[in-house]
Amino acid sequence: MTSILTDDDYDLDPVDADAFERAIAMTRANGGPDAVQIESMLRKRPWEEVGRFAAMCRQADNLALGLHLTPPCWATEADLVPDPNEPDDAYGRRAAAVLRKRLLAAGLSAYEPDPLDALERVKRAREIDVSEQPSPKL
């Protein structure tokens, strides 16, 4: 994949930049109105802004979030603390923050377009690494 980063984007975390590129590519590949919207946005807005938007859209789609639910890329550390005014997490803020924390702990971006798939890939890669290690002999 050819990078579309500009000089202004080099202070962006490379893990996030990669997630933005993949989110934009996924949106383009899906076609339809979303792809048209992304192309229009890329002509008018900064690439990083479009990448954040595409990542949020892909997270919402891939996690099947309702319009009222929070995607992991919007979650903050404060969302990890249960809100006494919202004990049932009706807006999914706590769930999103937990997922965001898992992504970051795995070395992934909070903007990962398909968070659960990405976590599964990391898990499988770690299992392969462990299984390829020689077992200790007693």
N, C-alpha and C. Protein backbone atom coordinates (compact mmCIF):
# COMPACT_ATOMS: atom_id res chain seq x y z
N MET A 1 0.85 -1.17 0.00
CA MET A 1 0.00 0.00 0.00
C MET A 1 0.90 1.24 0.00
N THR A 2 0.61 2.18 -0.84
CA THR A 2 1.37 3.41 -0.91
C THR A 2 0.90 4.36 0.17
N SER A 3 1.83 4.92 0.90
CA SER A 3 1.49 5.85 1.97
C SER A 3 1.08 7.19 1.38
N ILE A 4 0.08 7.81 2.01
CA ILE A 4 -0.36 9.13 1.57
C ILE A 4 -0.07 10.17 2.64
N LEU A 5 0.91 9.86 3.50
CA LEU A 5 1.29 10.81 4.53
C LEU A 5 2.00 12.00 3.91
N THR A 6 1.79 13.15 4.50
CA THR A 6 2.50 14.36 4.08
C THR A 6 3.51 14.71 5.16
N ASP A 7 4.33 15.73 4.92
CA ASP A 7 5.33 16.16 5.90
C ASP A 7 4.68 16.53 7.23
N ASP A 8 3.46 17.06 7.20
CA ASP A 8 2.77 17.47 8.42
C ASP A 8 2.33 16.28 9.26
N ASP A 9 2.30 15.09 8.70
CA ASP A 9 1.80 13.91 9.40
C ASP A 9 2.89 13.13 10.13
N TYR A 10 4.14 13.54 10.02
CA TYR A 10 5.21 12.73 10.59
C TYR A 10 5.27 12.75 12.10
N ASP A 11 4.58 13.67 12.77
CA ASP A 11 4.55 13.63 14.22
C ASP A 11 3.46 12.69 14.73
N LEU A 12 2.68 12.15 13.84
CA LEU A 12 1.64 11.20 14.16
C LEU A 12 2.27 9.85 14.51
N ASP A 13 1.77 9.21 15.55
CA ASP A 13 2.27 7.89 15.93
C ASP A 13 2.13 6.96 14.73
N PRO A 14 3.20 6.26 14.35
CA PRO A 14 3.14 5.37 13.18
C PRO A 14 2.07 4.28 13.30
N VAL A 15 1.79 3.82 14.51
CA VAL A 15 0.76 2.80 14.71
C VAL A 15 -0.62 3.39 14.37
N ASP A 16 -0.85 4.64 14.78
CA ASP A 16 -2.11 5.30 14.45
C ASP A 16 -2.19 5.61 12.95
N ALA A 17 -1.09 6.07 12.38
CA ALA A 17 -1.08 6.37 10.95
C ALA A 17 -1.41 5.13 10.13
N ASP A 18 -0.87 3.99 10.52
CA ASP A 18 -1.17 2.74 9.83
C ASP A 18 -2.66 2.40 9.95
N ALA A 19 -3.20 2.58 11.15
CA ALA A 19 -4.64 2.31 11.35
C ALA A 19 -5.48 3.25 10.49
N PHE A 20 -5.09 4.52 10.41
CA PHE A 20 -5.83 5.47 9.57
C PHE A 20 -5.80 5.04 8.11
N GLU A 21 -4.61 4.66 7.63
CA GLU A 21 -4.48 4.24 6.23
C GLU A 21 -5.38 3.03 5.94
N ARG A 22 -5.37 2.05 6.85
CA ARG A 22 -6.19 0.87 6.65
C ARG A 22 -7.67 1.19 6.73
N ALA A 23 -8.06 2.09 7.62
CA ALA A 23 -9.47 2.48 7.74
C ALA A 23 -9.94 3.18 6.47
N ILE A 24 -9.12 4.05 5.93
CA ILE A 24 -9.46 4.74 4.68
C ILE A 24 -9.55 3.71 3.55
N ALA A 25 -8.57 2.80 3.49
CA ALA A 25 -8.58 1.77 2.43
C ALA A 25 -9.82 0.87 2.54
N MET A 26 -10.19 0.49 3.75
CA MET A 26 -11.39 -0.33 3.94
C MET A 26 -12.64 0.40 3.49
N THR A 27 -12.71 1.67 3.80
CA THR A 27 -13.87 2.46 3.41
C THR A 27 -13.96 2.57 1.90
N ARG A 28 -12.82 2.80 1.27
CA ARG A 28 -12.79 2.86 -0.20
C ARG A 28 -13.22 1.52 -0.79
N ALA A 29 -12.70 0.42 -0.22
CA ALA A 29 -12.99 -0.91 -0.75
C ALA A 29 -14.46 -1.28 -0.60
N ASN A 30 -15.10 -0.77 0.44
CA ASN A 30 -16.53 -1.05 0.64
C ASN A 30 -17.39 -0.38 -0.42
N GLY A 31 -16.87 0.68 -1.02
CA GLY A 31 -17.62 1.40 -2.05
C GLY A 31 -18.82 2.12 -1.50
N GLY A 32 -19.71 2.49 -2.37
CA GLY A 32 -20.95 3.14 -1.98
C GLY A 32 -20.76 4.56 -1.46
N PRO A 33 -21.77 5.05 -0.76
CA PRO A 33 -21.75 6.44 -0.29
C PRO A 33 -20.60 6.74 0.67
N ASP A 34 -20.21 5.75 1.49
CA ASP A 34 -19.10 5.99 2.42
C ASP A 34 -17.80 6.27 1.67
N ALA A 35 -17.57 5.52 0.60
CA ALA A 35 -16.35 5.73 -0.20
C ALA A 35 -16.38 7.10 -0.86
N VAL A 36 -17.53 7.49 -1.37
CA VAL A 36 -17.67 8.81 -1.98
C VAL A 36 -17.40 9.89 -0.95
N GLN A 37 -17.94 9.71 0.26
CA GLN A 37 -17.74 10.69 1.32
C GLN A 37 -16.26 10.80 1.69
N ILE A 38 -15.57 9.67 1.81
CA ILE A 38 -14.15 9.69 2.16
C ILE A 38 -13.35 10.40 1.08
N GLU A 39 -13.63 10.12 -0.18
CA GLU A 39 -12.90 10.79 -1.28
C GLU A 39 -13.12 12.30 -1.23
N SER A 40 -14.34 12.70 -0.97
CA SER A 40 -14.64 14.13 -0.86
C SER A 40 -13.89 14.75 0.32
N MET A 41 -13.91 14.05 1.44
CA MET A 41 -13.22 14.57 2.62
C MET A 41 -11.73 14.68 2.39
N LEU A 42 -11.14 13.71 1.69
CA LEU A 42 -9.70 13.75 1.43
C LEU A 42 -9.30 14.95 0.58
N ARG A 43 -10.21 15.42 -0.25
CA ARG A 43 -9.92 16.60 -1.07
C ARG A 43 -10.02 17.90 -0.28
N LYS A 44 -10.78 17.88 0.83
CA LYS A 44 -11.09 19.12 1.54
C LYS A 44 -10.51 19.23 2.95
N ARG A 45 -10.14 18.11 3.54
CA ARG A 45 -9.75 18.11 4.95
C ARG A 45 -8.37 17.47 5.12
N PRO A 46 -7.74 17.72 6.26
CA PRO A 46 -6.45 17.09 6.53
C PRO A 46 -6.58 15.57 6.58
N TRP A 47 -5.55 14.89 6.08
CA TRP A 47 -5.56 13.44 6.00
C TRP A 47 -5.80 12.80 7.37
N GLU A 48 -5.16 13.32 8.42
CA GLU A 48 -5.30 12.77 9.76
C GLU A 48 -6.76 12.84 10.23
N GLU A 49 -7.42 13.94 9.96
CA GLU A 49 -8.84 14.09 10.33
C GLU A 49 -9.70 13.05 9.61
N VAL A 50 -9.42 12.85 8.34
CA VAL A 50 -10.17 11.86 7.55
C VAL A 50 -9.88 10.45 8.08
N GLY A 51 -8.64 10.19 8.43
CA GLY A 51 -8.28 8.89 8.98
C GLY A 51 -8.99 8.61 10.29
N ARG A 52 -9.07 9.62 11.16
CA ARG A 52 -9.80 9.45 12.43
C ARG A 52 -11.28 9.16 12.16
N PHE A 53 -11.84 9.89 11.23
CA PHE A 53 -13.25 9.69 10.89
C PHE A 53 -13.48 8.28 10.33
N ALA A 54 -12.62 7.87 9.40
CA ALA A 54 -12.76 6.55 8.79
C ALA A 54 -12.61 5.45 9.85
N ALA A 55 -11.66 5.63 10.76
CA ALA A 55 -11.45 4.64 11.82
C ALA A 55 -12.69 4.54 12.71
N MET A 56 -13.26 5.67 13.07
CA MET A 56 -14.46 5.67 13.90
C MET A 56 -15.61 4.95 13.18
N CYS A 57 -15.77 5.24 11.90
CA CYS A 57 -16.84 4.59 11.12
C CYS A 57 -16.62 3.08 11.01
N ARG A 58 -15.39 2.67 10.75
CA ARG A 58 -15.10 1.24 10.64
C ARG A 58 -15.29 0.55 11.98
N GLN A 59 -14.88 1.19 13.08
CA GLN A 59 -15.10 0.60 14.39
C GLN A 59 -16.59 0.43 14.66
N ALA A 60 -17.35 1.45 14.36
CA ALA A 60 -18.81 1.39 14.59
C ALA A 60 -19.41 0.24 13.77
N ASP A 61 -19.00 0.10 12.52
CA ASP A 61 -19.52 -0.98 11.67
C ASP A 61 -19.05 -2.35 12.15
N ASN A 62 -17.73 -2.48 12.39
CA ASN A 62 -17.18 -3.79 12.74
C ASN A 62 -17.58 -4.27 14.12
N LEU A 63 -17.90 -3.34 15.01
CA LEU A 63 -18.36 -3.71 16.35
C LEU A 63 -19.89 -3.69 16.44
N ALA A 64 -20.54 -3.38 15.32
CA ALA A 64 -22.01 -3.30 15.26
C ALA A 64 -22.56 -2.39 16.36
N LEU A 65 -21.95 -1.21 16.47
CA LEU A 65 -22.38 -0.25 17.49
C LEU A 65 -23.63 0.50 17.03
N GLY A 66 -24.55 0.64 17.93
CA GLY A 66 -25.71 1.50 17.66
C GLY A 66 -25.25 2.95 17.65
N LEU A 67 -26.08 3.81 17.14
CA LEU A 67 -25.72 5.23 17.04
C LEU A 67 -25.42 5.87 18.39
N HIS A 68 -25.96 5.32 19.45
CA HIS A 68 -25.77 5.90 20.78
C HIS A 68 -24.54 5.34 21.50
N LEU A 69 -23.86 4.37 20.92
CA LEU A 69 -22.73 3.73 21.59
C LEU A 69 -21.39 4.35 21.20
N THR A 70 -20.46 4.30 22.13
CA THR A 70 -19.15 4.92 21.98
C THR A 70 -18.15 3.94 21.36
N PRO A 71 -17.46 4.34 20.28
CA PRO A 71 -16.40 3.49 19.74
C PRO A 71 -15.14 3.62 20.60
N PRO A 72 -14.26 2.64 20.57
CA PRO A 72 -13.05 2.70 21.38
C PRO A 72 -12.18 3.93 21.10
N CYS A 73 -12.17 4.40 19.87
CA CYS A 73 -11.32 5.55 19.55
C CYS A 73 -11.79 6.83 20.24
N TRP A 74 -13.02 6.87 20.73
CA TRP A 74 -13.53 8.03 21.45
C TRP A 74 -13.40 7.90 22.96
N ALA A 75 -13.08 6.71 23.43
CA ALA A 75 -13.03 6.46 24.88
C ALA A 75 -11.83 7.16 25.51
N THR A 76 -11.98 7.47 26.78
CA THR A 76 -10.89 8.09 27.54
C THR A 76 -10.64 7.26 28.80
N GLU A 77 -9.56 7.56 29.47
CA GLU A 77 -9.23 6.90 30.73
C GLU A 77 -10.34 7.12 31.75
N ALA A 78 -10.94 8.29 31.75
CA ALA A 78 -12.03 8.59 32.69
C ALA A 78 -13.23 7.67 32.49
N ASP A 79 -13.41 7.16 31.27
CA ASP A 79 -14.54 6.28 30.99
C ASP A 79 -14.39 4.92 31.66
N LEU A 80 -13.19 4.59 32.14
CA LEU A 80 -12.99 3.32 32.85
C LEU A 80 -13.66 3.32 34.22
N VAL A 81 -13.83 4.51 34.77
CA VAL A 81 -14.46 4.63 36.09
C VAL A 81 -15.97 4.58 35.91
N PRO A 82 -16.63 3.64 36.58
CA PRO A 82 -18.09 3.54 36.44
C PRO A 82 -18.77 4.86 36.83
N ASP A 83 -19.73 5.26 36.04
CA ASP A 83 -20.49 6.49 36.27
C ASP A 83 -21.71 6.15 37.11
N PRO A 84 -21.81 6.72 38.32
CA PRO A 84 -22.97 6.40 39.17
C PRO A 84 -24.29 6.84 38.55
N ASN A 85 -24.24 7.79 37.63
CA ASN A 85 -25.46 8.24 36.96
C ASN A 85 -25.83 7.35 35.78
N GLU A 86 -24.92 6.44 35.42
CA GLU A 86 -25.15 5.54 34.30
C GLU A 86 -24.61 4.15 34.66
N PRO A 87 -25.19 3.52 35.68
CA PRO A 87 -24.63 2.25 36.16
C PRO A 87 -24.68 1.12 35.14
N ASP A 88 -25.57 1.18 34.18
CA ASP A 88 -25.67 0.09 33.20
C ASP A 88 -24.85 0.35 31.94
N ASP A 89 -24.04 1.43 31.93
CA ASP A 89 -23.18 1.75 30.78
C ASP A 89 -23.99 1.82 29.48
N ALA A 90 -25.13 2.51 29.54
CA ALA A 90 -26.06 2.57 28.41
C ALA A 90 -25.43 3.13 27.13
N TYR A 91 -24.40 3.95 27.26
CA TYR A 91 -23.77 4.52 26.08
C TYR A 91 -22.48 3.79 25.70
N GLY A 92 -22.17 2.74 26.44
CA GLY A 92 -21.01 1.92 26.11
C GLY A 92 -19.67 2.56 26.36
N ARG A 93 -19.63 3.61 27.17
CA ARG A 93 -18.35 4.31 27.39
C ARG A 93 -17.34 3.42 28.11
N ARG A 94 -17.80 2.75 29.15
CA ARG A 94 -16.88 1.88 29.90
C ARG A 94 -16.42 0.72 29.02
N ALA A 95 -17.33 0.09 28.31
CA ALA A 95 -16.96 -1.02 27.43
C ALA A 95 -15.96 -0.55 26.37
N ALA A 96 -16.18 0.63 25.82
CA ALA A 96 -15.26 1.17 24.81
C ALA A 96 -13.89 1.44 25.42
N ALA A 97 -13.87 1.96 26.65
CA ALA A 97 -12.60 2.26 27.31
C ALA A 97 -11.83 0.97 27.62
N VAL A 98 -12.54 -0.07 28.02
CA VAL A 98 -11.89 -1.36 28.29
C VAL A 98 -11.29 -1.91 27.00
N LEU A 99 -12.04 -1.83 25.91
CA LEU A 99 -11.52 -2.32 24.63
C LEU A 99 -10.33 -1.48 24.17
N ARG A 100 -10.41 -0.17 24.35
CA ARG A 100 -9.29 0.70 23.99
C ARG A 100 -8.04 0.32 24.79
N LYS A 101 -8.22 0.06 26.07
CA LYS A 101 -7.10 -0.32 26.93
C LYS A 101 -6.49 -1.63 26.45
N ARG A 102 -7.31 -2.59 26.05
CA ARG A 102 -6.82 -3.86 25.52
C ARG A 102 -6.02 -3.65 24.23
N LEU A 103 -6.52 -2.77 23.36
CA LEU A 103 -5.82 -2.48 22.11
C LEU A 103 -4.44 -1.91 22.39
N LEU A 104 -4.38 -0.91 23.26
CA LEU A 104 -3.12 -0.26 23.56
C LEU A 104 -2.15 -1.22 24.25
N ALA A 105 -2.65 -2.07 25.14
CA ALA A 105 -1.81 -3.05 25.82
C ALA A 105 -1.22 -4.06 24.84
N ALA A 106 -1.93 -4.31 23.75
CA ALA A 106 -1.46 -5.26 22.73
C ALA A 106 -0.53 -4.59 21.72
N GLY A 107 -0.26 -3.29 21.91
CA GLY A 107 0.62 -2.58 20.98
C GLY A 107 -0.09 -2.10 19.73
N LEU A 108 -1.41 -2.09 19.78
CA LEU A 108 -2.22 -1.66 18.64
C LEU A 108 -2.67 -0.22 18.83
N SER A 109 -3.26 0.33 17.80
CA SER A 109 -3.79 1.68 17.84
C SER A 109 -5.21 1.68 18.42
N ALA A 110 -5.55 2.72 19.13
CA ALA A 110 -6.94 2.90 19.58
C ALA A 110 -7.86 3.13 18.39
N TYR A 111 -7.28 3.40 17.22
CA TYR A 111 -8.03 3.66 16.00
C TYR A 111 -8.10 2.43 15.10
N GLU A 112 -7.76 1.28 15.63
CA GLU A 112 -7.79 0.04 14.85
C GLU A 112 -9.17 -0.11 14.22
N PRO A 113 -9.25 -0.22 12.89
CA PRO A 113 -10.57 -0.26 12.23
C PRO A 113 -11.44 -1.45 12.62
N ASP A 114 -10.81 -2.58 12.91
CA ASP A 114 -11.55 -3.77 13.33
C ASP A 114 -10.90 -4.29 14.61
N PRO A 115 -11.26 -3.69 15.75
CA PRO A 115 -10.55 -3.97 17.00
C PRO A 115 -10.53 -5.44 17.42
N LEU A 116 -11.64 -6.12 17.34
CA LEU A 116 -11.67 -7.51 17.79
C LEU A 116 -10.83 -8.41 16.89
N ASP A 117 -10.88 -8.19 15.59
CA ASP A 117 -10.07 -8.96 14.66
C ASP A 117 -8.58 -8.70 14.91
N ALA A 118 -8.23 -7.45 15.16
CA ALA A 118 -6.83 -7.10 15.41
C ALA A 118 -6.32 -7.77 16.68
N LEU A 119 -7.13 -7.77 17.74
CA LEU A 119 -6.74 -8.43 18.98
C LEU A 119 -6.58 -9.93 18.78
N GLU A 120 -7.46 -10.50 17.99
CA GLU A 120 -7.37 -11.94 17.69
C GLU A 120 -6.09 -12.25 16.92
N ARG A 121 -5.73 -11.40 15.96
CA ARG A 121 -4.48 -11.61 15.20
C ARG A 121 -3.26 -11.56 16.13
N VAL A 122 -3.26 -10.61 17.06
CA VAL A 122 -2.15 -10.50 18.01
C VAL A 122 -2.09 -11.75 18.89
N LYS A 123 -3.25 -12.19 19.34
CA LYS A 123 -3.31 -13.39 20.18
C LYS A 123 -2.75 -14.60 19.43
N ARG A 124 -3.18 -14.78 18.18
CA ARG A 124 -2.69 -15.92 17.38
C ARG A 124 -1.19 -15.82 17.14
N ALA A 125 -0.71 -14.61 16.87
CA ALA A 125 0.73 -14.43 16.64
C ALA A 125 1.52 -14.77 17.89
N ARG A 126 1.02 -14.39 19.04
CA ARG A 126 1.72 -14.70 20.30
C ARG A 126 1.68 -16.20 20.57
N GLU A 127 0.58 -16.85 20.25
CA GLU A 127 0.48 -18.31 20.44
C GLU A 127 1.48 -19.02 19.54
N ILE A 128 1.63 -18.54 18.32
CA ILE A 128 2.60 -19.14 17.39
C ILE A 128 4.01 -18.93 17.92
N ASP A 129 4.31 -17.72 18.40
CA ASP A 129 5.64 -17.44 18.94
C ASP A 129 5.96 -18.38 20.11
N VAL A 130 5.00 -18.57 20.97
CA VAL A 130 5.21 -19.43 22.14
C VAL A 130 5.37 -20.87 21.71
N SER A 131 4.58 -21.33 20.76
CA SER A 131 4.64 -22.73 20.33
C SER A 131 5.93 -23.04 19.57
N GLU A 132 6.55 -22.03 18.98
CA GLU A 132 7.79 -22.25 18.25
C GLU A 132 9.01 -22.26 19.14
N GLN A 133 8.84 -21.86 20.40
CA GLN A 133 9.95 -21.88 21.35
C GLN A 133 10.24 -23.32 21.75
N PRO A 134 11.49 -23.68 21.89
CA PRO A 134 11.80 -25.04 22.33
C PRO A 134 11.31 -25.25 23.76
N SER A 135 10.74 -26.40 24.00
CA SER A 135 10.26 -26.68 25.35
C SER A 135 11.44 -27.09 26.22
N PRO A 136 11.41 -26.68 27.47
CA PRO A 136 12.51 -27.03 28.34
C PRO A 136 12.52 -28.54 28.64
N LYS A 137 13.69 -29.09 28.70
CA LYS A 137 13.82 -30.52 29.00
C LYS A 137 14.16 -30.65 30.48
N LEU A 138 13.49 -31.56 31.10
CA LEU A 138 13.74 -31.79 32.52
C LEU A 138 14.69 -32.93 32.75
